[in-house]
């Protein structure tokens, strides 16, 4: 009787357990209480994950390397375009060339970084030799950019001096013209002389009508004096504007050349593993 009673109690307990499991499953199936904004129990397809094999990782590294070689090719084409035709000893061409090369320095830097970014694994011997050559190219480019710094400073000074001389010559030429006209006006004593001078200053084909030549003479002399002061002020403003622009470009390009040269030298130093010969 006891065994039978125990079996009945065990069956009741199992039935209760099964009933609880069924109730729990049914509760999970029922929609939960709606919360404002987003249902936390709503299945989200975006949370599903897909495993990528080592093959996909390898192909990704190949894409990075191809990007690096492509950037180096674009940089080489730009360099040829900038340097041809060469006009060495011309400070303006040299300074603008330095600026163009510095502005494009990020392209070969990104290309080199993409090529030398590698992970542990096998690499073809031919590509390893090519990377060793590119490592030495980094050193050459670094020295090339570093040598641009003193050249850029010298060219900046030469351009500044040439621009000052050009502005001074232009101002001197205008002043000479005004002085000649002023001298002619001072030497005009009669109305006929004033009429001849005004006819030269007037537009071709026009005949100036003069009622009081002496009053016009005073007005012209006053205008000539004002014109000289105005041209001198304009020349000073042009000189300041050009000097400010030259200083800004000089600082930007010389510091850029220094930075690019330093980075290329560091690239060469950090890629010493590519220069090691494998027997």
Protein backbone atom coordinates (compact mmCIF):
# COMPACT_ATOMS: atom_id res chain seq x y z
CA UNK A 1 0.00 0.00 0.00
CA UNK A 2 2.84 2.36 0.82
CA UNK A 3 4.48 1.80 -2.56
CA UNK A 4 1.20 2.41 -4.29
CA UNK A 5 0.64 5.58 -2.30
CA UNK A 6 4.18 6.78 -3.06
CA UNK A 7 3.63 6.21 -6.74
CA UNK A 8 0.40 8.23 -6.61
CA UNK A 9 2.15 11.11 -4.80
CA UNK A 10 5.03 11.05 -7.30
CA UNK A 11 2.57 11.13 -10.18
CA UNK A 12 0.76 14.09 -8.67
CA UNK A 13 4.02 15.96 -8.17
CA UNK A 14 5.07 15.24 -11.77
CA UNK A 15 1.69 16.43 -13.02
CA UNK A 16 2.04 19.65 -11.03
CA UNK A 17 5.54 20.19 -12.44
CA UNK A 18 4.32 19.60 -16.00
CA UNK A 19 1.42 21.99 -15.40
CA UNK A 20 3.82 24.71 -14.24
CA UNK A 21 6.01 24.22 -17.30
CA UNK A 22 2.98 24.45 -19.62
CA UNK A 23 1.81 27.63 -17.87
CA UNK A 24 5.28 29.17 -18.20
CA UNK A 25 5.39 28.37 -21.91
CA UNK A 26 1.94 29.81 -22.42
CA UNK A 27 2.95 32.98 -20.58
CA UNK A 28 5.97 33.37 -22.84
CA UNK A 29 3.74 33.05 -25.88
CA UNK A 30 1.35 35.75 -24.65
CA UNK A 31 2.22 39.37 -25.64
CA UNK A 32 3.81 41.24 -22.75
CA UNK A 33 2.58 44.50 -21.39
CA UNK A 34 3.17 47.23 -23.93
CA UNK A 35 5.74 49.79 -22.90
CA UNK A 36 6.02 53.18 -24.57
CA UNK A 37 8.57 53.40 -27.36
CA UNK A 38 9.76 49.83 -27.96
CA UNK A 39 8.73 46.31 -27.04
CA UNK A 40 11.67 44.78 -25.19
CA UNK A 41 10.53 41.27 -26.01
CA UNK A 42 10.16 41.94 -29.73
CA UNK A 43 12.63 39.74 -31.68
CA UNK A 44 15.18 41.94 -33.49
CA UNK A 45 16.69 40.59 -36.72
CA UNK A 46 19.52 43.10 -36.49
CA UNK A 47 20.88 41.40 -33.37
CA UNK A 48 21.61 38.22 -35.26
CA UNK A 49 25.31 37.57 -35.85
CA UNK A 50 27.11 35.92 -38.73
CA UNK A 51 30.55 34.38 -38.30
CA UNK A 52 33.19 35.45 -40.82
CA UNK A 53 35.90 32.96 -41.59
CA UNK A 54 39.64 33.56 -41.85
CA UNK A 55 39.19 33.68 -45.62
CA UNK A 56 37.20 36.93 -45.33
CA UNK A 57 39.88 38.42 -43.07
CA UNK A 58 42.56 37.52 -45.58
CA UNK A 59 40.65 39.11 -48.44
CA UNK A 60 40.17 42.26 -46.35
CA UNK A 61 43.92 42.58 -45.86
CA UNK A 62 44.39 42.15 -49.61
CA UNK A 63 41.98 45.06 -50.19
CA UNK A 64 44.00 47.26 -47.84
CA UNK A 65 47.23 46.40 -49.67
CA UNK A 66 45.65 47.09 -53.07
CA UNK A 67 44.46 50.46 -51.79
CA UNK A 68 48.00 51.27 -50.70
CA UNK A 69 49.52 50.45 -54.09
CA UNK A 70 46.78 52.45 -55.81
CA UNK A 71 47.42 55.51 -53.64
CA UNK A 72 51.14 55.32 -54.41
CA UNK A 73 50.36 55.22 -58.13
CA UNK A 74 48.12 58.30 -57.84
CA UNK A 75 50.84 60.10 -55.86
CA UNK A 76 53.41 59.26 -58.54
CA UNK A 77 51.18 60.66 -61.30
CA UNK A 78 50.61 63.87 -59.29
CA UNK A 79 54.35 64.25 -58.72
CA UNK A 80 55.10 63.94 -62.45
CA UNK A 81 52.37 66.47 -63.24
CA UNK A 82 53.76 68.96 -60.69
CA UNK A 83 57.44 68.67 -61.63
CA UNK A 84 57.00 68.89 -65.42
CA UNK A 85 58.10 71.23 -66.89
CA UNK A 86 60.85 72.00 -64.35
CA UNK A 87 61.88 75.60 -63.75
CA UNK A 88 64.66 75.32 -61.23
CA UNK A 89 66.26 78.51 -59.82
CA UNK A 90 62.86 80.20 -60.20
CA UNK A 91 61.85 80.96 -56.59
CA UNK A 92 58.14 81.29 -57.38
CA UNK A 93 58.00 77.91 -59.17
CA UNK A 94 60.08 76.22 -56.48
CA UNK A 95 57.92 77.64 -53.68
CA UNK A 96 54.65 76.69 -55.38
CA UNK A 97 56.03 73.21 -56.14
CA UNK A 98 56.95 72.71 -52.50
CA UNK A 99 53.44 73.73 -51.51
CA UNK A 100 51.84 71.36 -54.03
CA UNK A 101 53.97 68.42 -52.88
CA UNK A 102 53.27 69.13 -49.21
CA UNK A 103 49.53 69.41 -49.86
CA UNK A 104 49.61 65.92 -51.41
CA UNK A 105 51.94 64.31 -48.85
CA UNK A 106 49.05 62.55 -47.10
CA UNK A 107 48.38 60.36 -50.15
CA UNK A 108 51.76 58.53 -50.23
CA UNK A 109 51.75 58.36 -46.43
CA UNK A 110 48.40 56.58 -46.44
CA UNK A 111 49.59 54.37 -49.27
CA UNK A 112 52.72 53.31 -47.39
CA UNK A 113 50.75 52.70 -44.19
CA UNK A 114 48.23 50.53 -46.07
CA UNK A 115 50.98 48.48 -47.74
CA UNK A 116 53.03 47.87 -44.58
CA UNK A 117 50.01 47.08 -42.40
CA UNK A 118 50.39 43.31 -42.08
CA UNK A 119 49.39 40.50 -39.75
CA UNK A 120 51.24 37.37 -38.77
CA UNK A 121 51.29 34.83 -41.56
CA UNK A 122 52.84 33.89 -44.86
CA UNK A 123 53.80 36.41 -47.52
CA UNK A 124 55.15 35.93 -51.01
CA UNK A 125 58.88 36.42 -51.35
CA UNK A 126 58.49 38.77 -54.33
CA UNK A 127 56.13 41.05 -52.41
CA UNK A 128 58.50 40.95 -49.43
CA UNK A 129 61.31 42.21 -51.68
CA UNK A 130 59.05 44.92 -53.09
CA UNK A 131 58.17 46.07 -49.58
CA UNK A 132 61.88 46.23 -48.75
CA UNK A 133 62.40 48.56 -51.70
CA UNK A 134 59.43 50.68 -50.62
CA UNK A 135 60.96 50.93 -47.16
CA UNK A 136 64.06 52.56 -48.70
CA UNK A 137 61.76 54.78 -50.77
CA UNK A 138 60.30 56.03 -47.48
CA UNK A 139 63.79 57.11 -46.41
CA UNK A 140 64.40 58.90 -49.71
CA UNK A 141 61.05 60.68 -49.51
CA UNK A 142 61.75 61.66 -45.92
CA UNK A 143 65.08 63.23 -46.82
CA UNK A 144 63.49 64.89 -49.86
CA UNK A 145 60.79 66.56 -47.75
CA UNK A 146 63.26 67.56 -45.04
CA UNK A 147 65.49 69.24 -47.63
CA UNK A 148 62.47 71.24 -48.79
CA UNK A 149 62.44 73.17 -45.50
CA UNK A 150 65.61 75.27 -46.02
CA UNK A 151 64.78 75.68 -49.70
CA UNK A 152 61.28 76.89 -48.83
CA UNK A 153 62.66 79.43 -46.34
CA UNK A 154 65.16 80.78 -48.88
CA UNK A 155 62.52 80.95 -51.63
CA UNK A 156 60.14 82.79 -49.28
CA UNK A 157 62.76 85.45 -48.62
CA UNK A 158 63.60 85.79 -52.33
CA UNK A 159 59.93 86.13 -53.27
CA UNK A 160 59.38 88.74 -50.56
CA UNK A 161 62.30 90.83 -51.78
CA UNK A 162 61.20 90.53 -55.43
CA UNK A 163 57.63 91.60 -54.59
CA UNK A 164 58.85 94.61 -52.63
CA UNK A 165 61.07 95.68 -55.53
CA UNK A 166 58.19 95.24 -57.99
CA UNK A 167 55.82 97.31 -55.86
CA UNK A 168 58.46 100.02 -55.38
CA UNK A 169 59.18 100.16 -59.12
CA UNK A 170 55.50 100.40 -59.96
CA UNK A 171 54.98 103.16 -57.39
CA UNK A 172 58.04 105.01 -58.68
CA UNK A 173 56.77 104.85 -62.28
CA UNK A 174 53.38 106.31 -61.28
CA UNK A 175 55.04 109.02 -59.21
CA UNK A 176 57.22 110.00 -62.14
CA UNK A 177 54.17 110.37 -64.37
CA UNK A 178 52.42 112.51 -61.78
CA UNK A 179 55.53 114.62 -61.26
CA UNK A 180 55.83 115.25 -64.99
CA UNK A 181 52.22 116.40 -65.17
CA UNK A 182 52.70 118.55 -62.07
CA UNK A 183 55.80 120.14 -63.60
CA UNK A 184 53.93 120.90 -66.80
CA UNK A 185 51.07 122.45 -64.87
CA UNK A 186 53.45 124.59 -62.82
CA UNK A 187 55.12 125.79 -66.03
CA UNK A 188 51.84 126.71 -67.71
CA UNK A 189 51.58 130.51 -67.53
CA UNK A 190 49.04 131.26 -70.25
CA UNK A 191 45.60 129.94 -71.05
CA UNK A 192 46.83 128.45 -74.33
CA UNK A 193 49.42 126.34 -72.49
CA UNK A 194 46.79 125.15 -70.04
CA UNK A 195 44.50 124.19 -72.90
CA UNK A 196 47.29 122.16 -74.52
CA UNK A 197 48.08 120.32 -71.29
CA UNK A 198 44.42 119.55 -70.62
CA UNK A 199 44.01 118.33 -74.18
CA UNK A 200 46.81 115.81 -73.58
CA UNK A 201 45.20 114.67 -70.35
CA UNK A 202 41.72 114.42 -71.85
CA UNK A 203 40.40 111.48 -73.83
CA UNK A 204 41.37 111.38 -77.54
CA UNK A 205 38.99 113.35 -79.75
CA UNK A 206 37.58 115.49 -76.94
CA UNK A 207 38.12 119.24 -76.76
CA UNK A 208 37.99 120.56 -73.18
CA UNK A 209 36.04 123.76 -72.57
CA UNK A 210 37.96 125.98 -70.12
CA UNK A 211 36.46 129.07 -68.59
CA UNK A 212 39.03 129.76 -65.90
CA UNK A 213 42.31 127.89 -66.55
CA UNK A 214 43.96 129.07 -63.33
CA UNK A 215 41.24 127.60 -61.11
CA UNK A 216 41.45 124.32 -63.01
CA UNK A 217 45.21 124.38 -62.59
CA UNK A 218 44.91 124.62 -58.82
CA UNK A 219 42.34 121.82 -58.75
CA UNK A 220 44.55 119.57 -60.88
CA UNK A 221 47.61 120.20 -58.71
CA UNK A 222 45.56 119.35 -55.62
CA UNK A 223 44.30 116.16 -57.24
CA UNK A 224 47.83 115.17 -58.24
CA UNK A 225 48.99 115.54 -54.66
CA UNK A 226 46.05 113.45 -53.40
CA UNK A 227 46.71 110.81 -56.09
CA UNK A 228 50.32 110.43 -54.93
CA UNK A 229 49.23 109.91 -51.32
CA UNK A 230 46.53 107.44 -52.40
CA UNK A 231 48.94 105.38 -54.51
CA UNK A 232 51.44 105.28 -51.67
CA UNK A 233 48.73 104.06 -49.28
CA UNK A 234 47.54 101.42 -51.76
CA UNK A 235 51.12 100.24 -52.32
CA UNK A 236 51.57 99.85 -48.57
CA UNK A 237 48.35 97.81 -48.29
CA UNK A 238 49.33 95.57 -51.21
CA UNK A 239 52.75 95.02 -49.67
CA UNK A 240 51.23 94.07 -46.31
CA UNK A 241 48.67 91.74 -47.93
CA UNK A 242 51.28 89.92 -50.01
CA UNK A 243 53.66 89.69 -47.06
CA UNK A 244 50.93 88.22 -44.82
CA UNK A 245 49.92 85.67 -47.46
CA UNK A 246 53.55 84.72 -48.08
CA UNK A 247 54.24 84.23 -44.37
CA UNK A 248 51.15 82.06 -43.93
CA UNK A 249 52.02 79.84 -46.89
CA UNK A 250 55.67 79.67 -45.84
CA UNK A 251 54.85 78.57 -42.29
CA UNK A 252 52.21 76.08 -43.45
CA UNK A 253 54.29 74.47 -46.20
CA UNK A 254 57.61 74.44 -44.36
CA UNK A 255 56.07 72.90 -41.25
CA UNK A 256 54.17 70.48 -43.48
CA UNK A 257 57.39 69.47 -45.22
CA UNK A 258 59.07 68.96 -41.83
CA UNK A 259 56.18 66.82 -40.61
CA UNK A 260 55.98 64.75 -43.80
CA UNK A 261 59.75 64.19 -43.81
CA UNK A 262 59.71 63.08 -40.18
CA UNK A 263 56.84 60.66 -40.80
CA UNK A 264 58.53 59.11 -43.82
CA UNK A 265 61.74 58.61 -41.84
CA UNK A 266 59.73 56.98 -39.03
CA UNK A 267 58.06 54.72 -41.61
CA UNK A 268 61.51 53.67 -42.79
CA UNK A 269 62.62 52.98 -39.21
CA UNK A 270 59.50 50.98 -38.30
CA UNK A 271 59.64 48.85 -41.47
CA UNK A 272 63.13 47.49 -40.88
CA UNK A 273 61.60 43.99 -40.85
CA UNK A 274 60.82 44.41 -44.56
CA UNK A 275 64.50 45.07 -45.35
CA UNK A 276 65.74 41.87 -43.73
CA UNK A 277 66.81 39.39 -46.38
CA UNK A 278 65.43 35.89 -46.13
CA UNK A 279 67.70 33.10 -47.34
